[in-house]
Amino acid sequence: MSTSDAVSPALSIGQPTPDLPLQDDQGRTVRLADFRGKTVVLYFYPKDDTPGCTKEACGFRDRLDRVARAGAVVLGVSADSVASHQRFKAKYGLTFPLLSDPEKRLAEAYGVWKRKSLYGRTFLGIERTTVIIDATGRVAKIFPRVKVEGHVDQVLDAIESLRAANERRTG
């Protein structure tokens, strides 16, 4: 079994995004529709407070002003609990919402809940993936199997390009 065997179908560019309600790190119910009119950087990560996930989250935290200037918001998603997200945010001073998906409904809907293999052991888990959603709620770009090093800069380049393209279209 390869590490990219999907448990659920993946999304494609231009497709409307699934809009399932999840709780954020404050226990509030959040839907992607709440962000219509903005570009959304929806990044799925395996687990709070692990080395790669911490580096990725802190990368977004450190460049959040640039994300905002591009007219975008960042939302992190993992299967961790609201309480775990609260601890993770407090420990690293994260300033964007983390969404709790303990039943893996959103991860499955986005095709990032995958069969993985590590040290000969096979298990199900979130494959680190970032989806950029345009202001109309459609998939604009997908970064599958993310490598953390340099990823935030790739995302920033993509959202800035999307913003420039939108400005050219709307004149």
N, C-alpha and C. Protein backbone atom coordinates (compact mmCIF):
# COMPACT_ATOMS: atom_id res chain seq x y z
N MET A 1 0.84 -1.18 0.00
CA MET A 1 0.00 0.00 0.00
C MET A 1 0.88 1.24 0.00
N SER A 2 0.65 2.18 -0.89
CA SER A 2 1.47 3.39 -0.94
C SER A 2 0.94 4.40 0.06
N THR A 3 1.76 5.42 0.32
CA THR A 3 1.35 6.43 1.30
C THR A 3 0.28 7.35 0.75
N SER A 4 -0.02 7.26 -0.54
CA SER A 4 -1.01 8.18 -1.08
C SER A 4 -2.31 7.49 -1.47
N ASP A 5 -2.55 6.29 -0.98
CA ASP A 5 -3.82 5.62 -1.26
C ASP A 5 -4.94 6.39 -0.59
N ALA A 6 -5.83 6.93 -1.38
CA ALA A 6 -6.92 7.76 -0.83
C ALA A 6 -8.00 6.88 -0.24
N VAL A 7 -8.55 7.33 0.86
CA VAL A 7 -9.71 6.69 1.46
C VAL A 7 -10.96 7.33 0.87
N SER A 8 -10.84 8.59 0.45
CA SER A 8 -11.95 9.31 -0.14
C SER A 8 -11.47 10.06 -1.37
N PRO A 9 -12.36 10.41 -2.27
CA PRO A 9 -11.94 11.10 -3.50
C PRO A 9 -11.41 12.50 -3.21
N ALA A 10 -10.45 12.92 -4.00
CA ALA A 10 -9.88 14.25 -3.84
C ALA A 10 -10.69 15.28 -4.63
N LEU A 11 -10.50 16.53 -4.28
CA LEU A 11 -11.13 17.64 -5.00
C LEU A 11 -10.32 17.98 -6.23
N SER A 12 -10.91 18.76 -7.12
CA SER A 12 -10.19 19.24 -8.28
C SER A 12 -10.37 20.74 -8.41
N ILE A 13 -9.47 21.37 -9.14
CA ILE A 13 -9.49 22.82 -9.35
C ILE A 13 -10.84 23.23 -9.96
N GLY A 14 -11.42 24.31 -9.43
CA GLY A 14 -12.68 24.83 -9.94
C GLY A 14 -13.91 24.25 -9.29
N GLN A 15 -13.74 23.17 -8.57
CA GLN A 15 -14.86 22.50 -7.92
C GLN A 15 -15.31 23.30 -6.68
N PRO A 16 -16.63 23.36 -6.42
CA PRO A 16 -17.08 23.97 -5.16
C PRO A 16 -16.55 23.17 -3.98
N THR A 17 -16.20 23.85 -2.92
CA THR A 17 -15.63 23.17 -1.77
C THR A 17 -16.71 22.67 -0.82
N PRO A 18 -16.48 21.53 -0.19
CA PRO A 18 -17.40 21.06 0.85
C PRO A 18 -17.46 22.09 1.98
N ASP A 19 -18.62 22.28 2.55
CA ASP A 19 -18.82 23.30 3.58
C ASP A 19 -19.45 22.68 4.82
N LEU A 20 -18.67 21.90 5.53
CA LEU A 20 -19.16 21.21 6.73
C LEU A 20 -18.86 22.04 7.97
N PRO A 21 -19.76 22.11 8.91
CA PRO A 21 -19.49 22.87 10.13
C PRO A 21 -18.49 22.15 11.03
N LEU A 22 -17.54 22.91 11.56
CA LEU A 22 -16.57 22.40 12.53
C LEU A 22 -16.45 23.40 13.66
N GLN A 23 -15.95 22.93 14.79
CA GLN A 23 -15.69 23.85 15.89
C GLN A 23 -14.28 24.39 15.77
N ASP A 24 -14.15 25.70 16.05
CA ASP A 24 -12.81 26.28 16.07
C ASP A 24 -12.21 26.12 17.46
N ASP A 25 -11.03 26.66 17.65
CA ASP A 25 -10.31 26.51 18.91
C ASP A 25 -10.99 27.23 20.08
N GLN A 26 -12.02 28.02 19.80
CA GLN A 26 -12.80 28.68 20.86
C GLN A 26 -14.14 27.98 21.10
N GLY A 27 -14.38 26.89 20.37
CA GLY A 27 -15.63 26.16 20.52
C GLY A 27 -16.77 26.72 19.69
N ARG A 28 -16.48 27.71 18.85
CA ARG A 28 -17.51 28.29 17.97
C ARG A 28 -17.65 27.44 16.71
N THR A 29 -18.87 27.36 16.19
CA THR A 29 -19.10 26.64 14.94
C THR A 29 -18.70 27.54 13.78
N VAL A 30 -17.89 26.97 12.89
CA VAL A 30 -17.38 27.70 11.73
C VAL A 30 -17.70 26.91 10.47
N ARG A 31 -18.07 27.64 9.42
CA ARG A 31 -18.29 27.06 8.09
C ARG A 31 -17.45 27.86 7.11
N LEU A 32 -17.03 27.24 6.04
CA LEU A 32 -16.28 27.97 5.02
C LEU A 32 -17.11 29.08 4.40
N ALA A 33 -18.41 28.88 4.34
CA ALA A 33 -19.29 29.92 3.79
C ALA A 33 -19.17 31.23 4.58
N ASP A 34 -18.74 31.14 5.84
CA ASP A 34 -18.55 32.34 6.66
C ASP A 34 -17.48 33.26 6.07
N PHE A 35 -16.64 32.72 5.19
CA PHE A 35 -15.50 33.46 4.64
C PHE A 35 -15.69 33.84 3.17
N ARG A 36 -16.91 33.68 2.63
CA ARG A 36 -17.16 34.06 1.24
C ARG A 36 -16.74 35.50 1.03
N GLY A 37 -16.15 35.78 -0.11
CA GLY A 37 -15.64 37.11 -0.39
C GLY A 37 -14.16 37.24 -0.08
N LYS A 38 -13.60 36.26 0.61
CA LYS A 38 -12.17 36.23 0.91
C LYS A 38 -11.56 34.95 0.35
N THR A 39 -10.28 35.02 0.08
CA THR A 39 -9.53 33.82 -0.26
C THR A 39 -9.23 33.10 1.05
N VAL A 40 -9.39 31.78 1.06
CA VAL A 40 -9.13 30.99 2.26
C VAL A 40 -7.98 30.04 2.00
N VAL A 41 -7.00 30.06 2.89
CA VAL A 41 -5.92 29.08 2.89
C VAL A 41 -6.32 28.05 3.94
N LEU A 42 -6.78 26.90 3.46
CA LEU A 42 -7.22 25.82 4.34
C LEU A 42 -6.13 24.77 4.36
N TYR A 43 -5.41 24.69 5.48
CA TYR A 43 -4.33 23.72 5.51
C TYR A 43 -4.64 22.61 6.52
N PHE A 44 -4.51 21.39 6.03
CA PHE A 44 -4.73 20.19 6.83
C PHE A 44 -3.38 19.71 7.33
N TYR A 45 -3.31 19.40 8.62
CA TYR A 45 -2.06 18.92 9.19
C TYR A 45 -2.36 17.75 10.11
N PRO A 46 -1.37 16.85 10.30
CA PRO A 46 -1.63 15.62 11.05
C PRO A 46 -1.91 15.78 12.55
N LYS A 47 -1.11 16.59 13.28
CA LYS A 47 -1.26 16.58 14.74
C LYS A 47 -0.68 17.83 15.37
N ASP A 48 -1.41 18.38 16.34
CA ASP A 48 -0.93 19.53 17.11
C ASP A 48 0.39 19.20 17.80
N ASP A 49 1.24 20.23 17.88
CA ASP A 49 2.45 20.20 18.71
C ASP A 49 3.43 19.09 18.34
N THR A 50 3.50 18.74 17.06
CA THR A 50 4.53 17.83 16.56
C THR A 50 5.49 18.68 15.73
N PRO A 51 6.71 18.23 15.50
CA PRO A 51 7.71 19.11 14.87
C PRO A 51 7.29 19.73 13.53
N GLY A 52 6.86 18.93 12.58
CA GLY A 52 6.49 19.47 11.27
C GLY A 52 5.27 20.35 11.34
N CYS A 53 4.28 19.94 12.11
CA CYS A 53 3.04 20.72 12.23
C CYS A 53 3.29 22.04 12.94
N THR A 54 4.16 22.04 13.93
CA THR A 54 4.50 23.27 14.63
C THR A 54 5.24 24.23 13.70
N LYS A 55 6.19 23.70 12.94
CA LYS A 55 6.94 24.55 12.00
C LYS A 55 6.01 25.17 10.96
N GLU A 56 5.07 24.38 10.45
CA GLU A 56 4.13 24.89 9.45
C GLU A 56 3.23 25.97 10.06
N ALA A 57 2.67 25.69 11.24
CA ALA A 57 1.78 26.66 11.90
C ALA A 57 2.51 27.96 12.20
N CYS A 58 3.73 27.86 12.70
CA CYS A 58 4.50 29.06 13.03
C CYS A 58 4.88 29.83 11.76
N GLY A 59 5.08 29.12 10.66
CA GLY A 59 5.34 29.78 9.38
C GLY A 59 4.17 30.62 8.95
N PHE A 60 2.96 30.08 9.07
CA PHE A 60 1.77 30.87 8.74
C PHE A 60 1.62 32.03 9.72
N ARG A 61 1.83 31.78 11.00
CA ARG A 61 1.73 32.84 12.02
C ARG A 61 2.68 34.00 11.69
N ASP A 62 3.92 33.67 11.33
CA ASP A 62 4.93 34.69 11.10
C ASP A 62 4.69 35.50 9.83
N ARG A 63 3.87 34.98 8.92
CA ARG A 63 3.61 35.69 7.65
C ARG A 63 2.14 36.08 7.49
N LEU A 64 1.41 36.06 8.61
CA LEU A 64 -0.03 36.33 8.55
C LEU A 64 -0.34 37.72 8.03
N ASP A 65 0.53 38.70 8.29
CA ASP A 65 0.28 40.05 7.77
C ASP A 65 0.33 40.05 6.24
N ARG A 66 1.23 39.30 5.66
CA ARG A 66 1.32 39.21 4.20
C ARG A 66 0.10 38.48 3.62
N VAL A 67 -0.36 37.46 4.33
CA VAL A 67 -1.57 36.74 3.92
C VAL A 67 -2.76 37.71 3.91
N ALA A 68 -2.89 38.49 4.97
CA ALA A 68 -4.00 39.44 5.08
C ALA A 68 -3.93 40.51 3.99
N ARG A 69 -2.71 40.99 3.69
CA ARG A 69 -2.56 42.00 2.62
C ARG A 69 -3.01 41.44 1.26
N ALA A 70 -2.91 40.14 1.09
CA ALA A 70 -3.36 39.50 -0.15
C ALA A 70 -4.86 39.20 -0.11
N GLY A 71 -5.54 39.63 0.95
CA GLY A 71 -6.99 39.45 1.05
C GLY A 71 -7.40 38.04 1.45
N ALA A 72 -6.52 37.35 2.15
CA ALA A 72 -6.79 35.95 2.50
C ALA A 72 -6.82 35.74 4.01
N VAL A 73 -7.39 34.60 4.40
CA VAL A 73 -7.38 34.16 5.79
C VAL A 73 -6.81 32.74 5.83
N VAL A 74 -6.25 32.38 6.96
CA VAL A 74 -5.68 31.04 7.16
C VAL A 74 -6.54 30.29 8.16
N LEU A 75 -6.84 29.04 7.83
CA LEU A 75 -7.54 28.13 8.74
C LEU A 75 -6.76 26.82 8.77
N GLY A 76 -6.37 26.37 9.95
CA GLY A 76 -5.71 25.08 10.09
C GLY A 76 -6.73 24.04 10.51
N VAL A 77 -6.58 22.81 10.01
CA VAL A 77 -7.52 21.74 10.34
C VAL A 77 -6.74 20.48 10.69
N SER A 78 -7.10 19.88 11.81
CA SER A 78 -6.60 18.55 12.17
C SER A 78 -7.71 17.81 12.92
N ALA A 79 -7.45 16.57 13.22
CA ALA A 79 -8.43 15.76 13.96
C ALA A 79 -8.34 15.98 15.47
N ASP A 80 -7.44 16.86 15.90
CA ASP A 80 -7.28 17.13 17.33
C ASP A 80 -8.50 17.82 17.91
N SER A 81 -8.65 17.72 19.22
CA SER A 81 -9.80 18.31 19.93
C SER A 81 -9.66 19.82 20.04
N VAL A 82 -10.75 20.47 20.39
CA VAL A 82 -10.76 21.91 20.64
C VAL A 82 -9.76 22.23 21.75
N ALA A 83 -9.74 21.44 22.81
CA ALA A 83 -8.81 21.68 23.93
C ALA A 83 -7.35 21.56 23.48
N SER A 84 -7.06 20.59 22.65
CA SER A 84 -5.70 20.43 22.12
C SER A 84 -5.31 21.65 21.29
N HIS A 85 -6.24 22.12 20.46
CA HIS A 85 -5.99 23.31 19.65
C HIS A 85 -5.72 24.53 20.54
N GLN A 86 -6.49 24.66 21.62
CA GLN A 86 -6.29 25.79 22.53
C GLN A 86 -4.88 25.77 23.11
N ARG A 87 -4.41 24.59 23.54
CA ARG A 87 -3.06 24.47 24.11
C ARG A 87 -2.00 24.78 23.06
N PHE A 88 -2.18 24.25 21.85
CA PHE A 88 -1.23 24.45 20.75
C PHE A 88 -1.14 25.94 20.40
N LYS A 89 -2.30 26.60 20.27
CA LYS A 89 -2.30 28.03 19.95
C LYS A 89 -1.61 28.85 21.04
N ALA A 90 -1.92 28.55 22.29
CA ALA A 90 -1.33 29.30 23.40
C ALA A 90 0.18 29.09 23.47
N LYS A 91 0.63 27.88 23.29
CA LYS A 91 2.05 27.55 23.40
C LYS A 91 2.88 28.29 22.35
N TYR A 92 2.33 28.45 21.13
CA TYR A 92 3.10 29.03 20.03
C TYR A 92 2.58 30.40 19.57
N GLY A 93 1.62 30.96 20.29
CA GLY A 93 1.12 32.28 19.95
C GLY A 93 0.50 32.34 18.56
N LEU A 94 -0.22 31.28 18.20
CA LEU A 94 -0.86 31.24 16.88
C LEU A 94 -2.04 32.20 16.86
N THR A 95 -2.18 32.93 15.76
CA THR A 95 -3.16 34.01 15.70
C THR A 95 -4.21 33.80 14.61
N PHE A 96 -4.41 32.57 14.21
CA PHE A 96 -5.45 32.25 13.22
C PHE A 96 -6.22 31.04 13.74
N PRO A 97 -7.44 30.83 13.26
CA PRO A 97 -8.27 29.74 13.79
C PRO A 97 -7.74 28.35 13.42
N LEU A 98 -7.87 27.45 14.38
CA LEU A 98 -7.63 26.03 14.15
C LEU A 98 -8.98 25.34 14.29
N LEU A 99 -9.31 24.52 13.31
CA LEU A 99 -10.60 23.83 13.30
C LEU A 99 -10.42 22.38 13.71
N SER A 100 -11.32 21.90 14.54
CA SER A 100 -11.28 20.54 15.07
C SER A 100 -12.16 19.62 14.23
N ASP A 101 -11.56 18.56 13.70
CA ASP A 101 -12.27 17.61 12.84
C ASP A 101 -12.09 16.18 13.38
N PRO A 102 -12.54 15.93 14.63
CA PRO A 102 -12.30 14.63 15.26
C PRO A 102 -12.96 13.46 14.54
N GLU A 103 -14.04 13.72 13.82
CA GLU A 103 -14.71 12.64 13.10
C GLU A 103 -14.17 12.51 11.67
N LYS A 104 -13.21 13.37 11.33
CA LYS A 104 -12.53 13.35 10.02
C LYS A 104 -13.48 13.60 8.84
N ARG A 105 -14.61 14.23 9.09
CA ARG A 105 -15.59 14.47 8.00
C ARG A 105 -15.03 15.43 6.96
N LEU A 106 -14.42 16.54 7.40
CA LEU A 106 -13.87 17.49 6.44
C LEU A 106 -12.65 16.90 5.75
N ALA A 107 -11.80 16.22 6.50
CA ALA A 107 -10.61 15.59 5.91
C ALA A 107 -11.02 14.58 4.83
N GLU A 108 -12.07 13.81 5.10
CA GLU A 108 -12.56 12.85 4.10
C GLU A 108 -13.15 13.57 2.91
N ALA A 109 -13.93 14.64 3.15
CA ALA A 109 -14.57 15.38 2.06
C ALA A 109 -13.53 16.03 1.14
N TYR A 110 -12.38 16.40 1.69
CA TYR A 110 -11.32 17.02 0.89
C TYR A 110 -10.32 16.00 0.35
N GLY A 111 -10.53 14.72 0.66
CA GLY A 111 -9.66 13.68 0.13
C GLY A 111 -8.28 13.64 0.76
N VAL A 112 -8.15 14.13 1.99
CA VAL A 112 -6.83 14.14 2.64
C VAL A 112 -6.71 13.10 3.75
N TRP A 113 -7.79 12.37 4.02
CA TRP A 113 -7.74 11.27 4.99
C TRP A 113 -7.26 10.07 4.19
N LYS A 114 -6.02 9.63 4.46
CA LYS A 114 -5.34 8.66 3.61
C LYS A 114 -4.77 7.49 4.40
N ARG A 115 -4.53 6.42 3.65
CA ARG A 115 -3.76 5.31 4.18
C ARG A 115 -2.30 5.73 4.12
N LYS A 116 -1.62 5.59 5.25
CA LYS A 116 -0.21 5.99 5.32
C LYS A 116 0.59 4.80 5.84
N SER A 117 1.88 4.87 5.62
CA SER A 117 2.77 3.80 6.07
C SER A 117 4.01 4.42 6.69
N LEU A 118 4.36 3.93 7.85
CA LEU A 118 5.55 4.43 8.55
C LEU A 118 6.20 3.26 9.28
N TYR A 119 7.46 3.04 9.00
CA TYR A 119 8.21 1.94 9.63
C TYR A 119 7.50 0.61 9.50
N GLY A 120 6.91 0.38 8.31
CA GLY A 120 6.26 -0.89 8.03
C GLY A 120 4.85 -1.02 8.59
N ARG A 121 4.40 -0.01 9.32
CA ARG A 121 3.05 -0.02 9.90
C ARG A 121 2.13 0.81 9.02
N THR A 122 0.95 0.30 8.71
CA THR A 122 -0.03 1.01 7.91
C THR A 122 -1.12 1.55 8.83
N PHE A 123 -1.53 2.78 8.57
CA PHE A 123 -2.55 3.42 9.40
C PHE A 123 -3.25 4.50 8.58
N LEU A 124 -4.36 5.00 9.09
CA LEU A 124 -5.07 6.10 8.46
C LEU A 124 -4.69 7.41 9.14
N GLY A 125 -4.55 8.46 8.35
CA GLY A 125 -4.21 9.76 8.92
C GLY A 125 -4.37 10.86 7.90
N ILE A 126 -4.22 12.08 8.36
CA ILE A 126 -4.29 13.24 7.47
C ILE A 126 -2.99 13.38 6.72
N GLU A 127 -3.09 13.48 5.40
CA GLU A 127 -1.93 13.79 4.57
C GLU A 127 -1.83 15.31 4.51
N ARG A 128 -0.67 15.82 4.92
CA ARG A 128 -0.47 17.27 4.97
C ARG A 128 -0.78 17.86 3.58
N THR A 129 -1.81 18.69 3.52
CA THR A 129 -2.32 19.24 2.26
C THR A 129 -2.83 20.65 2.51
N THR A 130 -2.62 21.53 1.54
CA THR A 130 -3.18 22.88 1.62
C THR A 130 -4.07 23.10 0.41
N VAL A 131 -5.24 23.66 0.67
CA VAL A 131 -6.19 23.98 -0.40
C VAL A 131 -6.44 25.49 -0.34
N ILE A 132 -6.25 26.15 -1.47
CA ILE A 132 -6.60 27.57 -1.55
C ILE A 132 -7.97 27.65 -2.19
N ILE A 133 -8.85 28.34 -1.49
CA ILE A 133 -10.25 28.48 -1.91
C ILE A 133 -10.47 29.93 -2.30
N ASP A 134 -11.03 30.14 -3.49
CA ASP A 134 -11.24 31.51 -3.95
C ASP A 134 -12.44 32.15 -3.24
N ALA A 135 -12.66 33.41 -3.52
CA ALA A 135 -13.70 34.19 -2.84
C ALA A 135 -15.11 33.68 -3.11
N THR A 136 -15.28 32.86 -4.16
CA THR A 136 -16.60 32.30 -4.46
C THR A 136 -16.81 30.92 -3.86
N GLY A 137 -15.79 30.40 -3.15
CA GLY A 137 -15.92 29.10 -2.50
C GLY A 137 -15.52 27.93 -3.38
N ARG A 138 -14.70 28.20 -4.41
CA ARG A 138 -14.23 27.13 -5.30
C ARG A 138 -12.74 26.88 -5.09
N VAL A 139 -12.32 25.66 -5.36
CA VAL A 139 -10.91 25.29 -5.23
C VAL A 139 -10.10 26.05 -6.29
N ALA A 140 -9.12 26.83 -5.83
CA ALA A 140 -8.26 27.58 -6.75
C ALA A 140 -6.91 26.88 -6.93
N LYS A 141 -6.41 26.23 -5.88
CA LYS A 141 -5.11 25.55 -5.95
C LYS A 141 -5.05 24.50 -4.85
N ILE A 142 -4.36 23.41 -5.15
CA ILE A 142 -4.18 22.33 -4.18
C ILE A 142 -2.69 22.02 -4.08
N PHE A 143 -2.19 21.97 -2.86
CA PHE A 143 -0.83 21.55 -2.59
C PHE A 143 -0.91 20.20 -1.87
N PRO A 144 -0.79 19.09 -2.59
CA PRO A 144 -0.86 17.78 -1.93
C PRO A 144 0.51 17.38 -1.36
N ARG A 145 0.49 16.47 -0.40
CA ARG A 145 1.73 15.91 0.16
C ARG A 145 2.77 16.99 0.45
N VAL A 146 2.36 17.99 1.19
CA VAL A 146 3.19 19.17 1.48
C VAL A 146 4.46 18.79 2.22
N LYS A 147 5.54 19.37 1.77
CA LYS A 147 6.81 19.37 2.50
C LYS A 147 6.87 20.73 3.19
N VAL A 148 7.06 20.75 4.49
CA VAL A 148 6.93 21.98 5.27
C VAL A 148 7.92 23.05 4.84
N GLU A 149 9.16 22.68 4.60
CA GLU A 149 10.19 23.65 4.25
C GLU A 149 9.81 24.41 2.98
N GLY A 150 9.65 25.72 3.09
CA GLY A 150 9.33 26.57 1.95
C GLY A 150 7.86 26.60 1.56
N HIS A 151 7.02 25.82 2.23
CA HIS A 151 5.62 25.72 1.83
C HIS A 151 4.85 27.04 2.01
N VAL A 152 5.03 27.71 3.11
CA VAL A 152 4.28 28.95 3.35
C VAL A 152 4.59 29.96 2.25
N ASP A 153 5.83 30.04 1.81
CA ASP A 153 6.18 30.96 0.73
C ASP A 153 5.49 30.56 -0.57
N GLN A 154 5.38 29.27 -0.84
CA GLN A 154 4.65 28.80 -2.04
C GLN A 154 3.19 29.24 -1.96
N VAL A 155 2.59 29.10 -0.80
CA VAL A 155 1.19 29.49 -0.61
C VAL A 155 1.04 31.00 -0.80
N LEU A 156 1.95 31.77 -0.22
CA LEU A 156 1.89 33.22 -0.37
C LEU A 156 2.00 33.63 -1.84
N ASP A 157 2.91 33.02 -2.57
CA ASP A 157 3.04 33.32 -4.00
C ASP A 157 1.73 33.02 -4.72
N ALA A 158 1.10 31.90 -4.38
CA ALA A 158 -0.15 31.49 -5.05
C ALA A 158 -1.29 32.45 -4.72
N ILE A 159 -1.43 32.87 -3.46
CA ILE A 159 -2.55 33.77 -3.14
C ILE A 159 -2.31 35.17 -3.70
N GLU A 160 -1.06 35.59 -3.75
CA GLU A 160 -0.76 36.89 -4.35
C GLU A 160 -1.02 36.87 -5.85
N SER A 161 -0.71 35.76 -6.51
CA SER A 161 -1.01 35.60 -7.94
C SER A 161 -2.52 35.59 -8.18
N LEU A 162 -3.24 34.89 -7.32
CA LEU A 162 -4.70 34.84 -7.43
C LEU A 162 -5.29 36.25 -7.26
N ARG A 163 -4.79 36.98 -6.30
CA ARG A 163 -5.27 38.35 -6.07
C ARG A 163 -4.99 39.23 -7.29
N ALA A 164 -3.78 39.14 -7.84
CA ALA A 164 -3.43 39.94 -9.02
C ALA A 164 -4.32 39.58 -10.21
N ALA A 165 -4.58 38.30 -10.39
CA ALA A 165 -5.45 37.87 -11.50
C ALA A 165 -6.87 38.40 -11.31
N ASN A 166 -7.36 38.38 -10.07
CA ASN A 166 -8.70 38.92 -9.78
C ASN A 166 -8.76 40.42 -10.04
N GLU A 167 -7.71 41.14 -9.68
CA GLU A 167 -7.67 42.59 -9.90
C GLU A 167 -7.65 42.90 -11.39
N ARG A 168 -6.94 42.11 -12.19
CA ARG A 168 -6.91 42.32 -13.64
C ARG A 168 -8.30 42.07 -14.24
N ARG A 169 -8.98 41.02 -13.74
CA ARG A 169 -10.31 40.70 -14.24
C ARG A 169 -11.34 41.77 -13.92
N THR A 170 -11.26 42.30 -12.71
CA THR A 170 -12.27 43.25 -12.27
C THR A 170 -11.89 44.69 -12.59
N GLY A 171 -10.65 44.87 -13.07
CA GLY A 171 -10.21 46.16 -13.59
C GLY A 171 -9.98 47.19 -12.59
